[in-house]
């Protein structure tokens, strides 16, 4: 499987909070006055700094899979193996669909455009940001927009809570969340090596969209943690670590039999 690790920092965009929503015109000459460039290690090539690393000496148990769980894991791993390819028409259409879901009132000029910065991509070509999550990270965003449009728009436009002056970039945060979940659940292994990974596969065998649904829950939980911690963009790494700890705690509750029973699921709005 493709190595989603890697080192080095990279560029990121910090999105300034817009108090009264996004004021848009149906024009290709959009401005990026609310987007500034910067540099930090927590986001960029590899997305290597956003996930909690295992403590030294942690045991790595192995769990046997049922035939159904093995099949579901293999299907999910096939999705993980697909890199975003801007030459594939289906991938192009998925990217256009994401723009339409995010900004239905604004026409997208081109798949490479300064407009993408409005969604929180690092530059004018979103394909360069999919390296950490692959095509599945785009599928995750589309699933979020389709099944939980209210929460999707709330997070995109930062409409809930007392926000920081400089907010996390929505789209790149989404790719980080995909990557974090792949690591947390150890999805590239032949079989899970943690209790949380084993627990997730039980949900996956009951619902093949479990990864996409968990993504939506995690994104909303991350934003909830962001508000609780009164975070600004340089706190993103700490927020992601807190989000992962909370998510692992919820997944391991004994009385949880489906993802919809997770406490954080109640944060989502359709």
C-alpha atoms as a PDB file:
ATOM      1  CA  UNK A   1       0.000   0.000   0.000  1.00  0.00           C
ATOM      2  CA  UNK A   2       1.017   3.558  -0.535  1.00  0.00           C
ATOM      3  CA  UNK A   3       3.046   5.002   2.313  1.00  0.00           C
ATOM      4  CA  UNK A   4       1.035   7.867   3.725  1.00  0.00           C
ATOM      5  CA  UNK A   5       3.821   8.890   6.043  1.00  0.00           C
ATOM      6  CA  UNK A   6       6.627  11.078   4.997  1.00  0.00           C
ATOM      7  CA  UNK A   7       8.377  13.935   6.532  1.00  0.00           C
ATOM      8  CA  UNK A   8       8.867  17.541   6.279  1.00  0.00           C
ATOM      9  CA  UNK A   9       6.626  20.435   6.815  1.00  0.00           C
ATOM     10  CA  UNK A  10       4.834  22.267   4.100  1.00  0.00           C
ATOM     11  CA  UNK A  11       2.608  25.164   3.418  1.00  0.00           C
ATOM     12  CA  UNK A  12      -0.846  25.592   4.807  1.00  0.00           C
ATOM     13  CA  UNK A  13      -3.585  28.142   4.669  1.00  0.00           C
ATOM     14  CA  UNK A  14      -5.035  29.774   7.734  1.00  0.00           C
ATOM     15  CA  UNK A  15      -8.575  30.914   7.177  1.00  0.00           C
ATOM     16  CA  UNK A  16      -9.662  34.100   8.818  1.00  0.00           C
ATOM     17  CA  UNK A  17     -13.023  33.910  10.539  1.00  0.00           C
ATOM     18  CA  UNK A  18     -15.828  35.565   8.586  1.00  0.00           C
ATOM     19  CA  UNK A  19     -18.412  36.809  11.030  1.00  0.00           C
ATOM     20  CA  UNK A  20     -21.445  36.974   8.763  1.00  0.00           C
ATOM     21  CA  UNK A  21     -20.975  33.986   6.501  1.00  0.00           C
ATOM     22  CA  UNK A  22     -19.496  33.957   3.012  1.00  0.00           C
ATOM     23  CA  UNK A  23     -20.549  36.761   0.715  1.00  0.00           C
ATOM     24  CA  UNK A  24     -20.287  35.379  -2.793  1.00  0.00           C
ATOM     25  CA  UNK A  25     -20.874  36.492  -6.346  1.00  0.00           C
ATOM     26  CA  UNK A  26     -21.307  34.109  -9.240  1.00  0.00           C
ATOM     27  CA  UNK A  27     -18.018  35.115 -10.775  1.00  0.00           C
ATOM     28  CA  UNK A  28     -14.662  33.603 -11.567  1.00  0.00           C
ATOM     29  CA  UNK A  29     -12.810  36.623 -10.271  1.00  0.00           C
ATOM     30  CA  UNK A  30     -13.071  35.754  -6.604  1.00  0.00           C
ATOM     31  CA  UNK A  31     -10.672  37.258  -4.126  1.00  0.00           C
ATOM     32  CA  UNK A  32      -8.742  35.521  -1.398  1.00  0.00           C
ATOM     33  CA  UNK A  33      -8.702  38.389   1.055  1.00  0.00           C
ATOM     34  CA  UNK A  34      -9.689  36.062   3.871  1.00  0.00           C
ATOM     35  CA  UNK A  35      -6.939  33.535   3.133  1.00  0.00           C
ATOM     36  CA  UNK A  36      -3.282  33.963   3.972  1.00  0.00           C
ATOM     37  CA  UNK A  37      -0.315  31.698   3.382  1.00  0.00           C
ATOM     38  CA  UNK A  38       2.033  30.539   6.077  1.00  0.00           C
ATOM     39  CA  UNK A  39       4.212  27.607   7.004  1.00  0.00           C
ATOM     40  CA  UNK A  40       4.114  25.108   9.827  1.00  0.00           C
ATOM     41  CA  UNK A  41       5.019  21.491  10.423  1.00  0.00           C
ATOM     42  CA  UNK A  42       1.571  20.275  11.371  1.00  0.00           C
ATOM     43  CA  UNK A  43       0.166  20.268   7.894  1.00  0.00           C
ATOM     44  CA  UNK A  44       1.585  19.660   4.444  1.00  0.00           C
ATOM     45  CA  UNK A  45       3.440  16.749   2.913  1.00  0.00           C
ATOM     46  CA  UNK A  46       2.680  13.519   4.697  1.00  0.00           C
ATOM     47  CA  UNK A  47       0.429  14.964   7.389  1.00  0.00           C
ATOM     48  CA  UNK A  48       2.793  13.291   9.801  1.00  0.00           C
ATOM     49  CA  UNK A  49       2.235  15.469  12.837  1.00  0.00           C
ATOM     50  CA  UNK A  50      -1.504  15.365  13.342  1.00  0.00           C
ATOM     51  CA  UNK A  51      -1.889  11.913  14.880  1.00  0.00           C
ATOM     52  CA  UNK A  52      -1.167  10.560  18.322  1.00  0.00           C
ATOM     53  CA  UNK A  53       1.747   8.162  18.207  1.00  0.00           C
ATOM     54  CA  UNK A  54       1.768   4.988  20.239  1.00  0.00           C
ATOM     55  CA  UNK A  55       3.647   5.137  23.510  1.00  0.00           C
ATOM     56  CA  UNK A  56       6.936   3.280  23.662  1.00  0.00           C
ATOM     57  CA  UNK A  57       6.410  -0.211  25.001  1.00  0.00           C
ATOM     58  CA  UNK A  58       2.730  -0.393  24.019  1.00  0.00           C
ATOM     59  CA  UNK A  59       1.659  -3.942  23.244  1.00  0.00           C
ATOM     60  CA  UNK A  60       0.377  -4.688  19.751  1.00  0.00           C
ATOM     61  CA  UNK A  61      -2.111  -7.526  20.072  1.00  0.00           C
ATOM     62  CA  UNK A  62      -3.410  -9.243  16.968  1.00  0.00           C
ATOM     63  CA  UNK A  63      -7.068 -10.067  16.414  1.00  0.00           C
ATOM     64  CA  UNK A  64      -8.472 -12.775  14.175  1.00  0.00           C
ATOM     65  CA  UNK A  65     -11.186 -11.757  11.716  1.00  0.00           C
ATOM     66  CA  UNK A  66     -14.417 -13.427  10.792  1.00  0.00           C
ATOM     67  CA  UNK A  67     -14.804 -14.145   7.061  1.00  0.00           C
ATOM     68  CA  UNK A  68     -17.257 -11.239   6.763  1.00  0.00           C
ATOM     69  CA  UNK A  69     -14.909  -8.843   8.538  1.00  0.00           C
ATOM     70  CA  UNK A  70     -12.010  -9.918   6.344  1.00  0.00           C
ATOM     71  CA  UNK A  71     -13.999  -9.210   3.176  1.00  0.00           C
ATOM     72  CA  UNK A  72     -15.132  -5.803   4.434  1.00  0.00           C
ATOM     73  CA  UNK A  73     -11.601  -4.857   5.443  1.00  0.00           C
ATOM     74  CA  UNK A  74     -10.246  -5.873   2.036  1.00  0.00           C
ATOM     75  CA  UNK A  75     -12.864  -3.756   0.286  1.00  0.00           C
ATOM     76  CA  UNK A  76     -11.998  -0.769   2.430  1.00  0.00           C
ATOM     77  CA  UNK A  77      -8.290  -1.297   1.817  1.00  0.00           C
ATOM     78  CA  UNK A  78      -8.972  -1.288  -1.914  1.00  0.00           C
ATOM     79  CA  UNK A  79     -10.456   2.169  -1.478  1.00  0.00           C
ATOM     80  CA  UNK A  80      -7.407   3.257   0.518  1.00  0.00           C
ATOM     81  CA  UNK A  81      -5.118   2.188  -2.322  1.00  0.00           C
ATOM     82  CA  UNK A  82      -6.695   4.577  -4.833  1.00  0.00           C
ATOM     83  CA  UNK A  83      -4.723   7.776  -5.242  1.00  0.00           C
ATOM     84  CA  UNK A  84      -6.419  10.865  -6.568  1.00  0.00           C
ATOM     85  CA  UNK A  85      -5.636  11.116 -10.269  1.00  0.00           C
ATOM     86  CA  UNK A  86      -6.574  14.363 -11.982  1.00  0.00           C
ATOM     87  CA  UNK A  87      -6.501  12.608 -15.375  1.00  0.00           C
ATOM     88  CA  UNK A  88      -9.385  10.258 -14.468  1.00  0.00           C
ATOM     89  CA  UNK A  89     -12.797  11.681 -15.464  1.00  0.00           C
ATOM     90  CA  UNK A  90     -14.553  10.112 -12.474  1.00  0.00           C
ATOM     91  CA  UNK A  91     -12.116  11.824 -10.122  1.00  0.00           C
ATOM     92  CA  UNK A  92     -12.612  15.129 -11.893  1.00  0.00           C
ATOM     93  CA  UNK A  93     -16.373  14.793 -11.570  1.00  0.00           C
ATOM     94  CA  UNK A  94     -16.089  13.951  -7.884  1.00  0.00           C
ATOM     95  CA  UNK A  95     -14.073  17.121  -7.338  1.00  0.00           C
ATOM     96  CA  UNK A  96     -16.643  19.187  -9.225  1.00  0.00           C
ATOM     97  CA  UNK A  97     -19.392  17.557  -7.153  1.00  0.00           C
ATOM     98  CA  UNK A  98     -17.592  18.607  -3.975  1.00  0.00           C
ATOM     99  CA  UNK A  99     -17.490  22.219  -5.123  1.00  0.00           C
ATOM    100  CA  UNK A 100     -21.191  22.149  -6.035  1.00  0.00           C
ATOM    101  CA  UNK A 101     -22.057  20.670  -2.631  1.00  0.00           C
ATOM    102  CA  UNK A 102     -20.001  23.318  -0.857  1.00  0.00           C
ATOM    103  CA  UNK A 103     -20.925  26.377  -2.914  1.00  0.00           C
ATOM    104  CA  UNK A 104     -24.043  25.654  -4.974  1.00  0.00           C
ATOM    105  CA  UNK A 105     -24.535  29.369  -5.632  1.00  0.00           C
ATOM    106  CA  UNK A 106     -21.064  29.891  -7.150  1.00  0.00           C
ATOM    107  CA  UNK A 107     -19.863  28.489 -10.440  1.00  0.00           C
ATOM    108  CA  UNK A 108     -16.455  26.802 -10.454  1.00  0.00           C
ATOM    109  CA  UNK A 109     -14.291  28.185 -13.245  1.00  0.00           C
ATOM    110  CA  UNK A 110     -11.828  25.341 -13.488  1.00  0.00           C
ATOM    111  CA  UNK A 111     -10.459  22.366 -11.559  1.00  0.00           C
ATOM    112  CA  UNK A 112      -7.325  24.447 -11.040  1.00  0.00           C
ATOM    113  CA  UNK A 113      -8.478  27.774  -9.702  1.00  0.00           C
ATOM    114  CA  UNK A 114      -7.843  30.256  -6.924  1.00  0.00           C
ATOM    115  CA  UNK A 115     -11.451  29.603  -5.903  1.00  0.00           C
ATOM    116  CA  UNK A 116     -10.433  26.400  -4.143  1.00  0.00           C
ATOM    117  CA  UNK A 117      -8.723  28.415  -1.425  1.00  0.00           C
ATOM    118  CA  UNK A 118     -12.201  29.484  -0.302  1.00  0.00           C
ATOM    119  CA  UNK A 119     -12.817  25.880   0.763  1.00  0.00           C
ATOM    120  CA  UNK A 120      -9.546  25.699   2.656  1.00  0.00           C
ATOM    121  CA  UNK A 121      -7.213  23.997   0.199  1.00  0.00           C
ATOM    122  CA  UNK A 122      -3.570  24.996   0.327  1.00  0.00           C
ATOM    123  CA  UNK A 123      -3.419  26.249  -3.241  1.00  0.00           C
ATOM    124  CA  UNK A 124      -5.356  26.462  -6.457  1.00  0.00           C
ATOM    125  CA  UNK A 125      -5.026  22.728  -7.229  1.00  0.00           C
ATOM    126  CA  UNK A 126      -6.697  20.506  -4.598  1.00  0.00           C
ATOM    127  CA  UNK A 127      -5.124  17.380  -6.091  1.00  0.00           C
ATOM    128  CA  UNK A 128      -1.831  18.304  -4.437  1.00  0.00           C
ATOM    129  CA  UNK A 129      -3.498  18.042  -1.015  1.00  0.00           C
ATOM    130  CA  UNK A 130      -4.811  14.512  -1.485  1.00  0.00           C
ATOM    131  CA  UNK A 131      -1.393  12.911  -1.017  1.00  0.00           C
ATOM    132  CA  UNK A 132      -2.035  12.237   2.658  1.00  0.00           C
ATOM    133  CA  UNK A 133      -5.476  10.731   2.241  1.00  0.00           C
ATOM    134  CA  UNK A 134      -5.890   9.596  -1.349  1.00  0.00           C
ATOM    135  CA  UNK A 135      -9.151   9.541  -3.285  1.00  0.00           C
ATOM    136  CA  UNK A 136     -10.988   8.238  -0.235  1.00  0.00           C
ATOM    137  CA  UNK A 137     -10.470  11.607   1.464  1.00  0.00           C
ATOM    138  CA  UNK A 138     -12.479  13.211  -1.342  1.00  0.00           C
ATOM    139  CA  UNK A 139     -15.118  10.488  -1.015  1.00  0.00           C
ATOM    140  CA  UNK A 140     -15.289  11.204   2.718  1.00  0.00           C
ATOM    141  CA  UNK A 141     -15.964  14.887   2.107  1.00  0.00           C
ATOM    142  CA  UNK A 142     -18.644  14.065  -0.460  1.00  0.00           C
ATOM    143  CA  UNK A 143     -20.328  11.624   1.923  1.00  0.00           C
ATOM    144  CA  UNK A 144     -20.304  14.292   4.629  1.00  0.00           C
ATOM    145  CA  UNK A 145     -21.860  16.857   2.295  1.00  0.00           C
ATOM    146  CA  UNK A 146     -24.529  14.415   1.088  1.00  0.00           C
ATOM    147  CA  UNK A 147     -25.705  12.888   4.359  1.00  0.00           C
ATOM    148  CA  UNK A 148     -25.028  15.676   6.847  1.00  0.00           C
ATOM    149  CA  UNK A 149     -25.305  18.865   4.777  1.00  0.00           C
ATOM    150  CA  UNK A 150     -26.093  21.095   7.755  1.00  0.00           C
ATOM    151  CA  UNK A 151     -22.993  20.062   9.688  1.00  0.00           C
ATOM    152  CA  UNK A 152     -20.919  20.189   6.497  1.00  0.00           C
ATOM    153  CA  UNK A 153     -21.956  23.780   5.831  1.00  0.00           C
ATOM    154  CA  UNK A 154     -21.617  24.768   9.483  1.00  0.00           C
ATOM    155  CA  UNK A 155     -18.004  23.607   9.539  1.00  0.00           C
ATOM    156  CA  UNK A 156     -17.170  24.985   6.109  1.00  0.00           C
ATOM    157  CA  UNK A 157     -18.490  28.429   6.994  1.00  0.00           C
ATOM    158  CA  UNK A 158     -17.556  28.260  10.698  1.00  0.00           C
ATOM    159  CA  UNK A 159     -21.091  29.140  11.734  1.00  0.00           C
ATOM    160  CA  UNK A 160     -21.231  27.647  15.229  1.00  0.00           C
ATOM    161  CA  UNK A 161     -19.641  28.760  18.468  1.00  0.00           C
ATOM    162  CA  UNK A 162     -17.188  31.474  19.377  1.00  0.00           C
ATOM    163  CA  UNK A 163     -14.523  31.149  16.727  1.00  0.00           C
ATOM    164  CA  UNK A 164     -10.875  32.113  16.684  1.00  0.00           C
ATOM    165  CA  UNK A 165      -9.719  34.975  14.500  1.00  0.00           C
ATOM    166  CA  UNK A 166      -7.654  32.474  12.486  1.00  0.00           C
ATOM    167  CA  UNK A 167      -9.474  29.223  11.839  1.00  0.00           C
ATOM    168  CA  UNK A 168      -8.360  25.823  10.591  1.00  0.00           C
ATOM    169  CA  UNK A 169      -8.665  25.334   6.805  1.00  0.00           C
ATOM    170  CA  UNK A 170     -11.763  23.189   6.279  1.00  0.00           C
ATOM    171  CA  UNK A 171     -10.710  21.039   3.323  1.00  0.00           C
ATOM    172  CA  UNK A 172      -7.158  20.287   4.442  1.00  0.00           C
ATOM    173  CA  UNK A 173      -8.450  19.506   7.932  1.00  0.00           C
ATOM    174  CA  UNK A 174     -10.749  16.978   6.279  1.00  0.00           C
ATOM    175  CA  UNK A 175      -7.815  15.238   4.611  1.00  0.00           C
ATOM    176  CA  UNK A 176      -6.007  15.181   7.952  1.00  0.00           C
ATOM    177  CA  UNK A 177      -9.002  13.493   9.544  1.00  0.00           C
ATOM    178  CA  UNK A 178      -9.063  10.773   6.891  1.00  0.00           C
ATOM    179  CA  UNK A 179      -5.370  10.118   7.448  1.00  0.00           C
ATOM    180  CA  UNK A 180      -5.739  10.139  11.224  1.00  0.00           C
ATOM    181  CA  UNK A 181      -8.525   7.547  11.094  1.00  0.00           C
ATOM    182  CA  UNK A 182      -6.483   5.279   8.815  1.00  0.00           C
ATOM    183  CA  UNK A 183      -3.659   5.384  11.333  1.00  0.00           C
ATOM    184  CA  UNK A 184      -5.827   5.108  14.435  1.00  0.00           C
ATOM    185  CA  UNK A 185      -7.715   2.090  13.106  1.00  0.00           C
ATOM    186  CA  UNK A 186      -4.557   0.532  11.621  1.00  0.00           C
ATOM    187  CA  UNK A 187      -6.460  -0.070   8.396  1.00  0.00           C
ATOM    188  CA  UNK A 188      -3.443  -0.893   6.259  1.00  0.00           C
ATOM    189  CA  UNK A 189      -2.587  -3.962   8.340  1.00  0.00           C
ATOM    190  CA  UNK A 190      -3.774  -7.430   7.331  1.00  0.00           C
ATOM    191  CA  UNK A 191      -5.768  -7.555  10.544  1.00  0.00           C
ATOM    192  CA  UNK A 192      -6.256  -5.148  13.444  1.00  0.00           C
ATOM    193  CA  UNK A 193      -3.556  -4.848  16.082  1.00  0.00           C
ATOM    194  CA  UNK A 194      -5.511  -2.764  18.580  1.00  0.00           C
ATOM    195  CA  UNK A 195      -8.790  -3.029  20.418  1.00  0.00           C
ATOM    196  CA  UNK A 196     -10.116   0.085  18.732  1.00  0.00           C
ATOM    197  CA  UNK A 197      -9.291  -1.335  15.293  1.00  0.00           C
ATOM    198  CA  UNK A 198     -10.948  -4.628  16.119  1.00  0.00           C
ATOM    199  CA  UNK A 199     -14.021  -2.821  17.419  1.00  0.00           C
ATOM    200  CA  UNK A 200     -14.302  -0.749  14.262  1.00  0.00           C
ATOM    201  CA  UNK A 201     -14.275  -3.855  12.064  1.00  0.00           C
ATOM    202  CA  UNK A 202     -17.358  -5.107  13.889  1.00  0.00           C
ATOM    203  CA  UNK A 203     -19.124  -1.911  12.865  1.00  0.00           C
ATOM    204  CA  UNK A 204     -17.742  -2.190   9.331  1.00  0.00           C
ATOM    205  CA  UNK A 205     -19.086  -5.718   8.895  1.00  0.00           C
ATOM    206  CA  UNK A 206     -22.560  -4.389   9.724  1.00  0.00           C
ATOM    207  CA  UNK A 207     -22.293  -1.222   7.642  1.00  0.00           C
ATOM    208  CA  UNK A 208     -19.896  -0.868   4.700  1.00  0.00           C
ATOM    209  CA  UNK A 209     -20.186   2.915   4.995  1.00  0.00           C
ATOM    210  CA  UNK A 210     -18.881   2.793   8.559  1.00  0.00           C
ATOM    211  CA  UNK A 211     -15.610   4.498   7.686  1.00  0.00           C
ATOM    212  CA  UNK A 212     -17.387   7.377   5.962  1.00  0.00           C
ATOM    213  CA  UNK A 213     -19.837   7.723   8.835  1.00  0.00           C
ATOM    214  CA  UNK A 214     -17.034   7.662  11.405  1.00  0.00           C
ATOM    215  CA  UNK A 215     -15.308  10.352   9.364  1.00  0.00           C
ATOM    216  CA  UNK A 216     -18.345  12.628   9.681  1.00  0.00           C
ATOM    217  CA  UNK A 217     -18.544  11.998  13.421  1.00  0.00           C
ATOM    218  CA  UNK A 218     -14.831  12.696  13.802  1.00  0.00           C
ATOM    219  CA  UNK A 219     -14.932  15.932  11.813  1.00  0.00           C
ATOM    220  CA  UNK A 220     -17.758  17.270  13.943  1.00  0.00           C
ATOM    221  CA  UNK A 221     -16.054  16.059  17.128  1.00  0.00           C
ATOM    222  CA  UNK A 222     -12.839  17.782  16.067  1.00  0.00           C
ATOM    223  CA  UNK A 223     -14.660  21.074  15.627  1.00  0.00           C
ATOM    224  CA  UNK A 224     -16.370  20.564  18.999  1.00  0.00           C
ATOM    225  CA  UNK A 225     -12.958  20.054  20.624  1.00  0.00           C
ATOM    226  CA  UNK A 226     -11.660  23.101  18.765  1.00  0.00           C
ATOM    227  CA  UNK A 227     -14.341  25.278  20.335  1.00  0.00           C
ATOM    228  CA  UNK A 228     -13.921  23.786  23.807  1.00  0.00           C
ATOM    229  CA  UNK A 229     -10.179  24.418  23.680  1.00  0.00           C
ATOM    230  CA  UNK A 230     -10.636  27.957  22.273  1.00  0.00           C
ATOM    231  CA  UNK A 231      -8.118  26.925  19.654  1.00  0.00           C
ATOM    232  CA  UNK A 232      -6.516  28.876  16.849  1.00  0.00           C
ATOM    233  CA  UNK A 233      -4.775  27.425  13.793  1.00  0.00           C
ATOM    234  CA  UNK A 234      -1.466  26.764  15.524  1.00  0.00           C
ATOM    235  CA  UNK A 235      -3.338  24.548  18.026  1.00  0.00           C
ATOM    236  CA  UNK A 236      -4.567  22.171  15.335  1.00  0.00           C
ATOM    237  CA  UNK A 237      -2.196  19.362  16.274  1.00  0.00           C
ATOM    238  CA  UNK A 238      -3.276  19.465  19.924  1.00  0.00           C
ATOM    239  CA  UNK A 239      -6.931  19.488  18.904  1.00  0.00           C
ATOM    240  CA  UNK A 240      -6.432  16.434  16.693  1.00  0.00           C
ATOM    241  CA  UNK A 241      -4.741  14.553  19.524  1.00  0.00           C
ATOM    242  CA  UNK A 242      -7.602  15.409  21.869  1.00  0.00           C
ATOM    243  CA  UNK A 243     -10.109  14.341  19.218  1.00  0.00           C
ATOM    244  CA  UNK A 244      -8.401  11.003  18.748  1.00  0.00           C
ATOM    245  CA  UNK A 245      -8.339  10.287  22.481  1.00  0.00           C
ATOM    246  CA  UNK A 246     -12.031  11.105  22.822  1.00  0.00           C
ATOM    247  CA  UNK A 247     -12.954   9.016  19.787  1.00  0.00           C
ATOM    248  CA  UNK A 248     -11.003   5.999  21.021  1.00  0.00           C
ATOM    249  CA  UNK A 249     -12.699   6.276  24.408  1.00  0.00           C
ATOM    250  CA  UNK A 250     -16.147   6.327  22.818  1.00  0.00           C
ATOM    251  CA  UNK A 251     -15.432   3.440  20.439  1.00  0.00           C
ATOM    252  CA  UNK A 252     -14.326   1.232  23.320  1.00  0.00           C
ATOM    253  CA  UNK A 253     -17.439   1.741  25.441  1.00  0.00           C
ATOM    254  CA  UNK A 254     -18.916  -1.686  26.067  1.00  0.00           C
ATOM    255  CA  UNK A 255     -22.520  -0.703  25.421  1.00  0.00           C
ATOM    256  CA  UNK A 256     -21.857   0.701  21.928  1.00  0.00           C
ATOM    257  CA  UNK A 257     -23.153  -1.652  19.242  1.00  0.00           C
ATOM    258  CA  UNK A 258     -23.351   0.775  16.279  1.00  0.00           C
ATOM    259  CA  UNK A 259     -21.687   4.033  15.357  1.00  0.00           C
ATOM    260  CA  UNK A 260     -24.952   5.911  15.724  1.00  0.00           C
ATOM    261  CA  UNK A 261     -24.772   5.158  19.451  1.00  0.00           C
ATOM    262  CA  UNK A 262     -21.499   7.026  19.926  1.00  0.00           C
ATOM    263  CA  UNK A 263     -22.024  10.100  22.126  1.00  0.00           C
ATOM    264  CA  UNK A 264     -20.400  12.311  19.491  1.00  0.00           C
ATOM    265  CA  UNK A 265     -22.868  11.186  16.834  1.00  0.00           C
ATOM    266  CA  UNK A 266     -25.416  13.497  18.475  1.00  0.00           C
ATOM    267  CA  UNK A 267     -23.261  16.463  17.405  1.00  0.00           C
ATOM    268  CA  UNK A 268     -24.106  15.846  13.754  1.00  0.00           C
ATOM    269  CA  UNK A 269     -26.963  17.702  12.110  1.00  0.00           C
ATOM    270  CA  UNK A 270     -28.605  16.894   8.799  1.00  0.00           C
END
